[in-house]
């Protein structure tokens, strides 16, 4: 029996709670994973998993093996990649997750620049507006908007993402300028879900905060929908500078109430553990953090 393959299969079953999902992650068939598990249980002389129609959970003995094997396998992977990197090249794979607002405009180009420097590293980049369970979903790194609450994650703070109010020149010519915070109520408002708190728009002028109750004409969780609506003159909207820096430079959008800013969002790069961080992951962290901090709108 290949004990390493059996342990890898067992660890993924525990983390995914499913033999089918573990097989998909490992790139093998479900029967192959089932056989590896049977062989491992036979080898240890213990029942390692409790099976039910909904999920598979480790027994007490299985949990002890999982806790020992997970760290050991991570250490082996890190050691092998370390030897390869000592030979002059960073190798391996990287699974990266991020929100679409950062990913479509910036993160993908950072990934490509990283691969130019380390061409043997393969990257799986997933962009979607949800938080992932890094362990359960087998993700190495994630960019997060807002401070994560999971105590098991290692956080690398990037900074704050600046939010401002913008509108197109056509909209302002048609509807007139926005002269005060209160006059926002007389305009069509376009926002993302993250911009509102209990139906209120929180604006800051230096240290002073102003809460404005608004009824948005359009609320979206998609950054590109927001930008398209604003540039086509649909209303006044909140936007992260990192999303609209080009549009502002080109004059397609104009800043509204420039003395005010919308409450910013904190940005982090997170990963499960630094104890057995593989060289490919560590190299990307070292490369990506300064690159993300250089984005226009991050402070």
C-alpha atoms as a PDB file:
ATOM      1  CA  UNK A   1       0.000   0.000   0.000  1.00  0.00           C
ATOM      2  CA  UNK A   2       1.154   3.529  -0.836  1.00  0.00           C
ATOM      3  CA  UNK A   3       0.805   4.968   2.660  1.00  0.00           C
ATOM      4  CA  UNK A   4       1.341   8.567   1.505  1.00  0.00           C
ATOM      5  CA  UNK A   5      -1.458   8.371  -1.080  1.00  0.00           C
ATOM      6  CA  UNK A   6      -3.734   6.707   1.451  1.00  0.00           C
ATOM      7  CA  UNK A   7      -3.075   9.428   4.033  1.00  0.00           C
ATOM      8  CA  UNK A   8      -3.637  12.177   1.463  1.00  0.00           C
ATOM      9  CA  UNK A   9      -6.964  10.625   0.533  1.00  0.00           C
ATOM     10  CA  UNK A  10      -7.959  10.263   4.180  1.00  0.00           C
ATOM     11  CA  UNK A  11      -7.048  13.890   4.993  1.00  0.00           C
ATOM     12  CA  UNK A  12      -9.094  15.209   2.056  1.00  0.00           C
ATOM     13  CA  UNK A  13     -12.098  13.069   3.022  1.00  0.00           C
ATOM     14  CA  UNK A  14     -12.017  14.534   6.530  1.00  0.00           C
ATOM     15  CA  UNK A  15     -11.664  18.094   5.247  1.00  0.00           C
ATOM     16  CA  UNK A  16     -14.332  17.734   2.574  1.00  0.00           C
ATOM     17  CA  UNK A  17     -16.684  15.414   4.466  1.00  0.00           C
ATOM     18  CA  UNK A  18     -17.251  13.450   1.286  1.00  0.00           C
ATOM     19  CA  UNK A  19     -15.419  10.733  -0.599  1.00  0.00           C
ATOM     20  CA  UNK A  20     -16.693  12.067  -3.915  1.00  0.00           C
ATOM     21  CA  UNK A  21     -15.442  15.588  -3.223  1.00  0.00           C
ATOM     22  CA  UNK A  22     -12.089  14.256  -2.025  1.00  0.00           C
ATOM     23  CA  UNK A  23     -11.727  12.212  -5.220  1.00  0.00           C
ATOM     24  CA  UNK A  24     -12.429  15.308  -7.323  1.00  0.00           C
ATOM     25  CA  UNK A  25      -9.792  17.305  -5.422  1.00  0.00           C
ATOM     26  CA  UNK A  26      -7.210  14.551  -5.827  1.00  0.00           C
ATOM     27  CA  UNK A  27      -8.017  13.942  -9.485  1.00  0.00           C
ATOM     28  CA  UNK A  28      -8.817  10.248  -9.043  1.00  0.00           C
ATOM     29  CA  UNK A  29     -11.966   8.151  -9.115  1.00  0.00           C
ATOM     30  CA  UNK A  30     -14.242   7.691  -6.122  1.00  0.00           C
ATOM     31  CA  UNK A  31     -13.646   3.909  -6.079  1.00  0.00           C
ATOM     32  CA  UNK A  32      -9.878   4.562  -5.951  1.00  0.00           C
ATOM     33  CA  UNK A  33     -10.315   6.798  -2.895  1.00  0.00           C
ATOM     34  CA  UNK A  34     -12.598   4.224  -1.278  1.00  0.00           C
ATOM     35  CA  UNK A  35      -9.951   1.539  -1.793  1.00  0.00           C
ATOM     36  CA  UNK A  36      -7.239   3.752  -0.300  1.00  0.00           C
ATOM     37  CA  UNK A  37      -9.401   4.331   2.767  1.00  0.00           C
ATOM     38  CA  UNK A  38     -10.139   0.624   3.202  1.00  0.00           C
ATOM     39  CA  UNK A  39      -6.452  -0.197   2.937  1.00  0.00           C
ATOM     40  CA  UNK A  40      -5.563   2.499   5.469  1.00  0.00           C
ATOM     41  CA  UNK A  41      -8.144   1.244   7.965  1.00  0.00           C
ATOM     42  CA  UNK A  42      -6.869  -2.292   7.460  1.00  0.00           C
ATOM     43  CA  UNK A  43      -3.283  -1.112   7.912  1.00  0.00           C
ATOM     44  CA  UNK A  44      -4.067   0.771  11.144  1.00  0.00           C
ATOM     45  CA  UNK A  45      -6.488  -1.845  12.438  1.00  0.00           C
ATOM     46  CA  UNK A  46      -8.972   0.900  13.332  1.00  0.00           C
ATOM     47  CA  UNK A  47     -12.166   2.412  12.014  1.00  0.00           C
ATOM     48  CA  UNK A  48     -11.182   5.920  10.998  1.00  0.00           C
ATOM     49  CA  UNK A  49     -14.428   7.367   9.685  1.00  0.00           C
ATOM     50  CA  UNK A  50     -18.097   7.229  10.642  1.00  0.00           C
ATOM     51  CA  UNK A  51     -20.252   6.971   7.520  1.00  0.00           C
ATOM     52  CA  UNK A  52     -23.733   8.431   7.190  1.00  0.00           C
ATOM     53  CA  UNK A  53     -26.005   9.332   4.294  1.00  0.00           C
ATOM     54  CA  UNK A  54     -25.048  13.010   4.673  1.00  0.00           C
ATOM     55  CA  UNK A  55     -21.353  13.109   5.531  1.00  0.00           C
ATOM     56  CA  UNK A  56     -18.278  11.247   6.717  1.00  0.00           C
ATOM     57  CA  UNK A  57     -16.796  12.255  10.077  1.00  0.00           C
ATOM     58  CA  UNK A  58     -13.622  11.042  11.767  1.00  0.00           C
ATOM     59  CA  UNK A  59     -13.783   8.761  14.776  1.00  0.00           C
ATOM     60  CA  UNK A  60     -11.660   9.650  17.803  1.00  0.00           C
ATOM     61  CA  UNK A  61      -8.834   7.544  16.382  1.00  0.00           C
ATOM     62  CA  UNK A  62      -9.399   9.036  12.935  1.00  0.00           C
ATOM     63  CA  UNK A  63      -9.248  12.562  14.291  1.00  0.00           C
ATOM     64  CA  UNK A  64      -5.936  11.849  16.004  1.00  0.00           C
ATOM     65  CA  UNK A  65      -4.529  10.459  12.764  1.00  0.00           C
ATOM     66  CA  UNK A  66      -5.878  13.413  10.783  1.00  0.00           C
ATOM     67  CA  UNK A  67      -4.245  15.961  13.097  1.00  0.00           C
ATOM     68  CA  UNK A  68      -0.908  14.174  12.864  1.00  0.00           C
ATOM     69  CA  UNK A  69      -1.053  13.342   9.158  1.00  0.00           C
ATOM     70  CA  UNK A  70      -2.186  16.785   7.974  1.00  0.00           C
ATOM     71  CA  UNK A  71       0.857  18.528   9.405  1.00  0.00           C
ATOM     72  CA  UNK A  72       3.203  15.755   8.331  1.00  0.00           C
ATOM     73  CA  UNK A  73       2.012  15.829   4.709  1.00  0.00           C
ATOM     74  CA  UNK A  74       2.237  19.637   4.625  1.00  0.00           C
ATOM     75  CA  UNK A  75       5.783  19.406   5.959  1.00  0.00           C
ATOM     76  CA  UNK A  76       6.723  16.835   3.300  1.00  0.00           C
ATOM     77  CA  UNK A  77       5.258  18.978   0.500  1.00  0.00           C
ATOM     78  CA  UNK A  78       7.035  22.073   1.795  1.00  0.00           C
ATOM     79  CA  UNK A  79      10.331  20.192   2.092  1.00  0.00           C
ATOM     80  CA  UNK A  80      10.129  18.827  -1.455  1.00  0.00           C
ATOM     81  CA  UNK A  81       9.277  22.228  -2.911  1.00  0.00           C
ATOM     82  CA  UNK A  82      12.050  23.737  -0.771  1.00  0.00           C
ATOM     83  CA  UNK A  83      14.609  21.380  -2.293  1.00  0.00           C
ATOM     84  CA  UNK A  84      13.375  22.265  -5.769  1.00  0.00           C
ATOM     85  CA  UNK A  85      13.527  25.983  -5.020  1.00  0.00           C
ATOM     86  CA  UNK A  86      17.086  25.567  -3.713  1.00  0.00           C
ATOM     87  CA  UNK A  87      17.912  24.219  -7.156  1.00  0.00           C
ATOM     88  CA  UNK A  88      17.002  27.615  -8.595  1.00  0.00           C
ATOM     89  CA  UNK A  89      13.288  27.556  -9.400  1.00  0.00           C
ATOM     90  CA  UNK A  90       9.988  27.889  -7.544  1.00  0.00           C
ATOM     91  CA  UNK A  91       7.704  25.035  -8.565  1.00  0.00           C
ATOM     92  CA  UNK A  92       4.305  23.723  -7.644  1.00  0.00           C
ATOM     93  CA  UNK A  93       0.700  24.780  -7.776  1.00  0.00           C
ATOM     94  CA  UNK A  94      -1.269  27.601  -6.207  1.00  0.00           C
ATOM     95  CA  UNK A  95      -5.018  27.853  -5.595  1.00  0.00           C
ATOM     96  CA  UNK A  96      -6.036  31.472  -5.161  1.00  0.00           C
ATOM     97  CA  UNK A  97      -9.455  32.967  -4.378  1.00  0.00           C
ATOM     98  CA  UNK A  98     -10.551  36.596  -4.505  1.00  0.00           C
ATOM     99  CA  UNK A  99     -13.509  38.933  -4.951  1.00  0.00           C
ATOM    100  CA  UNK A 100     -14.416  39.914  -8.500  1.00  0.00           C
ATOM    101  CA  UNK A 101     -13.946  43.629  -7.810  1.00  0.00           C
ATOM    102  CA  UNK A 102     -10.230  43.173  -7.114  1.00  0.00           C
ATOM    103  CA  UNK A 103      -9.701  40.104  -9.275  1.00  0.00           C
ATOM    104  CA  UNK A 104     -10.971  41.275 -12.651  1.00  0.00           C
ATOM    105  CA  UNK A 105      -9.180  44.623 -12.537  1.00  0.00           C
ATOM    106  CA  UNK A 106      -5.984  43.790 -10.669  1.00  0.00           C
ATOM    107  CA  UNK A 107      -5.424  40.321  -9.203  1.00  0.00           C
ATOM    108  CA  UNK A 108      -5.258  38.483 -12.516  1.00  0.00           C
ATOM    109  CA  UNK A 109      -2.503  40.789 -13.777  1.00  0.00           C
ATOM    110  CA  UNK A 110      -0.546  40.250 -10.544  1.00  0.00           C
ATOM    111  CA  UNK A 111      -0.858  36.490 -11.094  1.00  0.00           C
ATOM    112  CA  UNK A 112       0.433  36.798 -14.663  1.00  0.00           C
ATOM    113  CA  UNK A 113       3.390  38.917 -13.559  1.00  0.00           C
ATOM    114  CA  UNK A 114       4.177  36.337 -10.869  1.00  0.00           C
ATOM    115  CA  UNK A 115       4.103  33.545 -13.466  1.00  0.00           C
ATOM    116  CA  UNK A 116       6.429  35.556 -15.706  1.00  0.00           C
ATOM    117  CA  UNK A 117       8.901  35.440 -12.818  1.00  0.00           C
ATOM    118  CA  UNK A 118       8.117  31.817 -11.868  1.00  0.00           C
ATOM    119  CA  UNK A 119       6.924  30.112 -15.083  1.00  0.00           C
ATOM    120  CA  UNK A 120       6.767  26.601 -13.597  1.00  0.00           C
ATOM    121  CA  UNK A 121       4.131  27.569 -11.001  1.00  0.00           C
ATOM    122  CA  UNK A 122       0.568  26.735 -12.026  1.00  0.00           C
ATOM    123  CA  UNK A 123      -2.241  28.897 -10.646  1.00  0.00           C
ATOM    124  CA  UNK A 124      -5.947  28.228 -10.266  1.00  0.00           C
ATOM    125  CA  UNK A 125      -7.599  31.639  -9.800  1.00  0.00           C
ATOM    126  CA  UNK A 126     -11.237  31.689  -8.679  1.00  0.00           C
ATOM    127  CA  UNK A 127     -13.090  35.006  -8.540  1.00  0.00           C
ATOM    128  CA  UNK A 128     -16.459  35.229  -6.802  1.00  0.00           C
ATOM    129  CA  UNK A 129     -18.188  37.339  -4.202  1.00  0.00           C
ATOM    130  CA  UNK A 130     -18.181  34.975  -1.241  1.00  0.00           C
ATOM    131  CA  UNK A 131     -15.838  33.909   1.516  1.00  0.00           C
ATOM    132  CA  UNK A 132     -14.401  30.420   1.165  1.00  0.00           C
ATOM    133  CA  UNK A 133     -13.378  27.902   3.807  1.00  0.00           C
ATOM    134  CA  UNK A 134      -9.718  27.632   2.850  1.00  0.00           C
ATOM    135  CA  UNK A 135      -9.202  24.212   4.452  1.00  0.00           C
ATOM    136  CA  UNK A 136     -12.500  22.664   3.373  1.00  0.00           C
ATOM    137  CA  UNK A 137     -12.212  23.934  -0.201  1.00  0.00           C
ATOM    138  CA  UNK A 138      -8.472  23.284  -0.516  1.00  0.00           C
ATOM    139  CA  UNK A 139      -7.519  26.915  -1.198  1.00  0.00           C
ATOM    140  CA  UNK A 140      -3.961  28.122  -0.528  1.00  0.00           C
ATOM    141  CA  UNK A 141      -4.585  31.866  -0.393  1.00  0.00           C
ATOM    142  CA  UNK A 142      -7.490  34.296  -0.507  1.00  0.00           C
ATOM    143  CA  UNK A 143      -7.911  38.040  -0.874  1.00  0.00           C
ATOM    144  CA  UNK A 144     -10.592  39.194   1.574  1.00  0.00           C
ATOM    145  CA  UNK A 145     -12.540  42.430   1.782  1.00  0.00           C
ATOM    146  CA  UNK A 146     -13.105  43.097   5.474  1.00  0.00           C
ATOM    147  CA  UNK A 147     -11.270  41.628   8.462  1.00  0.00           C
ATOM    148  CA  UNK A 148     -11.764  37.816   8.691  1.00  0.00           C
ATOM    149  CA  UNK A 149     -13.058  36.481  12.000  1.00  0.00           C
ATOM    150  CA  UNK A 150     -11.577  32.978  11.657  1.00  0.00           C
ATOM    151  CA  UNK A 151      -8.894  32.690  14.344  1.00  0.00           C
ATOM    152  CA  UNK A 152      -7.158  29.882  12.424  1.00  0.00           C
ATOM    153  CA  UNK A 153      -6.170  32.140   9.521  1.00  0.00           C
ATOM    154  CA  UNK A 154      -2.905  34.010   9.077  1.00  0.00           C
ATOM    155  CA  UNK A 155      -3.618  37.609   7.997  1.00  0.00           C
ATOM    156  CA  UNK A 156      -1.426  39.879   5.878  1.00  0.00           C
ATOM    157  CA  UNK A 157      -3.002  43.313   5.896  1.00  0.00           C
ATOM    158  CA  UNK A 158      -2.934  45.101   2.541  1.00  0.00           C
ATOM    159  CA  UNK A 159      -4.603  48.356   3.559  1.00  0.00           C
ATOM    160  CA  UNK A 160      -7.891  50.183   3.125  1.00  0.00           C
ATOM    161  CA  UNK A 161      -9.738  50.382  -0.188  1.00  0.00           C
ATOM    162  CA  UNK A 162     -10.850  53.991  -0.705  1.00  0.00           C
ATOM    163  CA  UNK A 163     -14.516  54.535  -1.685  1.00  0.00           C
ATOM    164  CA  UNK A 164     -15.851  57.747  -3.208  1.00  0.00           C
ATOM    165  CA  UNK A 165     -18.983  59.140  -4.854  1.00  0.00           C
ATOM    166  CA  UNK A 166     -18.943  59.433  -8.650  1.00  0.00           C
ATOM    167  CA  UNK A 167     -21.236  60.144 -11.580  1.00  0.00           C
ATOM    168  CA  UNK A 168     -20.883  60.588 -15.322  1.00  0.00           C
ATOM    169  CA  UNK A 169     -20.685  64.064 -16.904  1.00  0.00           C
ATOM    170  CA  UNK A 170     -23.886  63.309 -18.867  1.00  0.00           C
ATOM    171  CA  UNK A 171     -25.829  62.478 -15.717  1.00  0.00           C
ATOM    172  CA  UNK A 172     -24.677  65.630 -13.910  1.00  0.00           C
ATOM    173  CA  UNK A 173     -25.464  67.808 -16.961  1.00  0.00           C
ATOM    174  CA  UNK A 174     -28.957  66.296 -17.087  1.00  0.00           C
ATOM    175  CA  UNK A 175     -29.801  66.285 -13.391  1.00  0.00           C
ATOM    176  CA  UNK A 176     -27.621  69.031 -12.010  1.00  0.00           C
ATOM    177  CA  UNK A 177     -24.724  68.965  -9.548  1.00  0.00           C
ATOM    178  CA  UNK A 178     -24.788  67.348  -6.113  1.00  0.00           C
ATOM    179  CA  UNK A 179     -24.324  70.311  -3.769  1.00  0.00           C
ATOM    180  CA  UNK A 180     -24.616  68.632  -0.361  1.00  0.00           C
ATOM    181  CA  UNK A 181     -24.955  65.261   1.339  1.00  0.00           C
ATOM    182  CA  UNK A 182     -28.669  65.860   1.869  1.00  0.00           C
ATOM    183  CA  UNK A 183     -29.228  66.573  -1.807  1.00  0.00           C
ATOM    184  CA  UNK A 184     -28.231  62.988  -2.601  1.00  0.00           C
ATOM    185  CA  UNK A 185     -31.843  62.125  -1.747  1.00  0.00           C
ATOM    186  CA  UNK A 186     -32.890  64.066  -4.884  1.00  0.00           C
ATOM    187  CA  UNK A 187     -30.707  61.916  -7.150  1.00  0.00           C
ATOM    188  CA  UNK A 188     -30.759  58.383  -8.527  1.00  0.00           C
ATOM    189  CA  UNK A 189     -28.405  56.371  -6.331  1.00  0.00           C
ATOM    190  CA  UNK A 190     -26.433  53.306  -7.429  1.00  0.00           C
ATOM    191  CA  UNK A 191     -24.580  51.252  -4.820  1.00  0.00           C
ATOM    192  CA  UNK A 192     -23.073  47.889  -4.038  1.00  0.00           C
ATOM    193  CA  UNK A 193     -24.369  45.847  -1.115  1.00  0.00           C
ATOM    194  CA  UNK A 194     -21.181  46.585   0.830  1.00  0.00           C
ATOM    195  CA  UNK A 195     -21.730  50.365   0.703  1.00  0.00           C
ATOM    196  CA  UNK A 196     -24.916  50.460   2.764  1.00  0.00           C
ATOM    197  CA  UNK A 197     -25.376  49.811   6.455  1.00  0.00           C
ATOM    198  CA  UNK A 198     -28.997  49.374   7.451  1.00  0.00           C
ATOM    199  CA  UNK A 199     -30.143  51.396   4.454  1.00  0.00           C
ATOM    200  CA  UNK A 200     -27.804  54.277   5.302  1.00  0.00           C
ATOM    201  CA  UNK A 201     -24.856  55.612   3.369  1.00  0.00           C
ATOM    202  CA  UNK A 202     -21.965  56.475   5.701  1.00  0.00           C
ATOM    203  CA  UNK A 203     -19.903  59.451   4.515  1.00  0.00           C
ATOM    204  CA  UNK A 204     -16.739  60.853   6.113  1.00  0.00           C
ATOM    205  CA  UNK A 205     -15.299  64.346   5.981  1.00  0.00           C
ATOM    206  CA  UNK A 206     -11.990  64.060   7.803  1.00  0.00           C
ATOM    207  CA  UNK A 207     -13.033  62.815  11.259  1.00  0.00           C
ATOM    208  CA  UNK A 208     -16.709  63.765  10.923  1.00  0.00           C
ATOM    209  CA  UNK A 209     -19.179  61.058   9.869  1.00  0.00           C
ATOM    210  CA  UNK A 210     -22.566  61.688   8.275  1.00  0.00           C
ATOM    211  CA  UNK A 211     -25.265  59.046   7.862  1.00  0.00           C
ATOM    212  CA  UNK A 212     -27.603  59.565   4.904  1.00  0.00           C
ATOM    213  CA  UNK A 213     -30.747  57.481   4.447  1.00  0.00           C
ATOM    214  CA  UNK A 214     -31.054  56.581   0.761  1.00  0.00           C
ATOM    215  CA  UNK A 215     -33.339  54.505  -1.432  1.00  0.00           C
ATOM    216  CA  UNK A 216     -31.065  53.224  -4.217  1.00  0.00           C
ATOM    217  CA  UNK A 217     -32.414  52.966  -7.714  1.00  0.00           C
ATOM    218  CA  UNK A 218     -29.992  50.078  -8.285  1.00  0.00           C
ATOM    219  CA  UNK A 219     -28.193  47.853  -5.794  1.00  0.00           C
ATOM    220  CA  UNK A 220     -25.796  45.226  -7.129  1.00  0.00           C
ATOM    221  CA  UNK A 221     -23.144  42.831  -5.885  1.00  0.00           C
ATOM    222  CA  UNK A 222     -21.305  42.955  -9.225  1.00  0.00           C
ATOM    223  CA  UNK A 223     -18.548  45.495  -9.700  1.00  0.00           C
ATOM    224  CA  UNK A 224     -18.786  45.620 -13.494  1.00  0.00           C
ATOM    225  CA  UNK A 225     -22.555  46.200 -13.378  1.00  0.00           C
ATOM    226  CA  UNK A 226     -21.904  49.110 -11.006  1.00  0.00           C
ATOM    227  CA  UNK A 227     -19.270  50.682 -13.250  1.00  0.00           C
ATOM    228  CA  UNK A 228     -21.374  50.201 -16.402  1.00  0.00           C
ATOM    229  CA  UNK A 229     -24.416  51.802 -14.760  1.00  0.00           C
ATOM    230  CA  UNK A 230     -22.375  54.796 -13.591  1.00  0.00           C
ATOM    231  CA  UNK A 231     -20.533  55.411 -16.864  1.00  0.00           C
ATOM    232  CA  UNK A 232     -23.794  55.243 -18.859  1.00  0.00           C
ATOM    233  CA  UNK A 233     -25.345  57.971 -16.749  1.00  0.00           C
ATOM    234  CA  UNK A 234     -27.748  56.008 -14.601  1.00  0.00           C
ATOM    235  CA  UNK A 235     -27.054  57.894 -11.402  1.00  0.00           C
ATOM    236  CA  UNK A 236     -24.673  58.889  -8.627  1.00  0.00           C
ATOM    237  CA  UNK A 237     -22.909  55.965  -7.046  1.00  0.00           C
ATOM    238  CA  UNK A 238     -20.398  54.693  -4.545  1.00  0.00           C
ATOM    239  CA  UNK A 239     -17.302  53.092  -6.021  1.00  0.00           C
ATOM    240  CA  UNK A 240     -13.938  51.838  -4.893  1.00  0.00           C
ATOM    241  CA  UNK A 241     -11.206  53.928  -6.482  1.00  0.00           C
ATOM    242  CA  UNK A 242      -9.451  50.720  -7.554  1.00  0.00           C
ATOM    243  CA  UNK A 243     -12.492  50.035  -9.771  1.00  0.00           C
ATOM    244  CA  UNK A 244     -12.854  53.427 -11.434  1.00  0.00           C
ATOM    245  CA  UNK A 245      -9.356  54.960 -11.507  1.00  0.00           C
ATOM    246  CA  UNK A 246      -9.156  54.636 -15.306  1.00  0.00           C
ATOM    247  CA  UNK A 247     -12.646  56.073 -15.801  1.00  0.00           C
ATOM    248  CA  UNK A 248     -11.765  59.055 -13.606  1.00  0.00           C
ATOM    249  CA  UNK A 249      -8.530  59.708 -15.537  1.00  0.00           C
ATOM    250  CA  UNK A 250     -10.402  59.451 -18.858  1.00  0.00           C
ATOM    251  CA  UNK A 251     -13.144  61.825 -17.696  1.00  0.00           C
ATOM    252  CA  UNK A 252     -15.878  59.220 -18.098  1.00  0.00           C
ATOM    253  CA  UNK A 253     -16.657  59.647 -14.401  1.00  0.00           C
ATOM    254  CA  UNK A 254     -16.391  62.699 -12.175  1.00  0.00           C
ATOM    255  CA  UNK A 255     -15.989  62.718  -8.433  1.00  0.00           C
ATOM    256  CA  UNK A 256     -19.038  64.030  -6.572  1.00  0.00           C
ATOM    257  CA  UNK A 257     -18.761  65.803  -3.195  1.00  0.00           C
ATOM    258  CA  UNK A 258     -14.951  65.458  -3.336  1.00  0.00           C
ATOM    259  CA  UNK A 259     -14.561  66.582   0.276  1.00  0.00           C
ATOM    260  CA  UNK A 260     -16.368  63.412   1.382  1.00  0.00           C
ATOM    261  CA  UNK A 261     -15.425  59.721   1.233  1.00  0.00           C
ATOM    262  CA  UNK A 262     -17.561  56.642   1.695  1.00  0.00           C
ATOM    263  CA  UNK A 263     -16.586  54.347   4.573  1.00  0.00           C
ATOM    264  CA  UNK A 264     -13.572  52.342   3.272  1.00  0.00           C
ATOM    265  CA  UNK A 265     -13.115  48.580   3.373  1.00  0.00           C
ATOM    266  CA  UNK A 266     -10.034  46.841   4.785  1.00  0.00           C
ATOM    267  CA  UNK A 267      -8.227  44.413   2.482  1.00  0.00           C
ATOM    268  CA  UNK A 268      -6.313  41.279   3.554  1.00  0.00           C
ATOM    269  CA  UNK A 269      -4.380  38.386   2.042  1.00  0.00           C
ATOM    270  CA  UNK A 270      -5.117  35.296   4.152  1.00  0.00           C
ATOM    271  CA  UNK A 271      -3.865  31.713   4.341  1.00  0.00           C
ATOM    272  CA  UNK A 272      -4.391  28.789   6.725  1.00  0.00           C
ATOM    273  CA  UNK A 273      -0.958  28.436   8.316  1.00  0.00           C
ATOM    274  CA  UNK A 274       2.588  29.709   8.072  1.00  0.00           C
ATOM    275  CA  UNK A 275       4.159  26.683   9.774  1.00  0.00           C
ATOM    276  CA  UNK A 276       4.442  24.564   6.623  1.00  0.00           C
ATOM    277  CA  UNK A 277       3.972  27.236   3.974  1.00  0.00           C
ATOM    278  CA  UNK A 278       5.064  25.826   0.622  1.00  0.00           C
ATOM    279  CA  UNK A 279       7.677  27.857  -1.275  1.00  0.00           C
ATOM    280  CA  UNK A 280       5.265  28.618  -4.143  1.00  0.00           C
ATOM    281  CA  UNK A 281       2.720  30.017  -1.686  1.00  0.00           C
ATOM    282  CA  UNK A 282       5.324  31.958   0.280  1.00  0.00           C
ATOM    283  CA  UNK A 283       6.790  33.376  -2.938  1.00  0.00           C
ATOM    284  CA  UNK A 284       3.361  34.559  -4.098  1.00  0.00           C
ATOM    285  CA  UNK A 285       2.622  36.184  -0.735  1.00  0.00           C
ATOM    286  CA  UNK A 286       5.941  38.068  -0.880  1.00  0.00           C
ATOM    287  CA  UNK A 287       5.220  39.103  -4.487  1.00  0.00           C
ATOM    288  CA  UNK A 288       1.521  39.952  -4.184  1.00  0.00           C
ATOM    289  CA  UNK A 289       1.426  41.990  -0.961  1.00  0.00           C
ATOM    290  CA  UNK A 290       3.523  44.934  -2.265  1.00  0.00           C
ATOM    291  CA  UNK A 291       1.822  44.684  -5.673  1.00  0.00           C
ATOM    292  CA  UNK A 292      -1.627  44.956  -4.087  1.00  0.00           C
ATOM    293  CA  UNK A 293      -0.491  47.886  -1.939  1.00  0.00           C
ATOM    294  CA  UNK A 294       0.573  49.766  -5.094  1.00  0.00           C
ATOM    295  CA  UNK A 295      -2.954  49.685  -6.565  1.00  0.00           C
ATOM    296  CA  UNK A 296      -4.429  53.152  -6.999  1.00  0.00           C
ATOM    297  CA  UNK A 297      -7.017  53.532  -4.242  1.00  0.00           C
ATOM    298  CA  UNK A 298      -5.305  51.371  -1.609  1.00  0.00           C
ATOM    299  CA  UNK A 299      -3.985  53.279   1.388  1.00  0.00           C
END
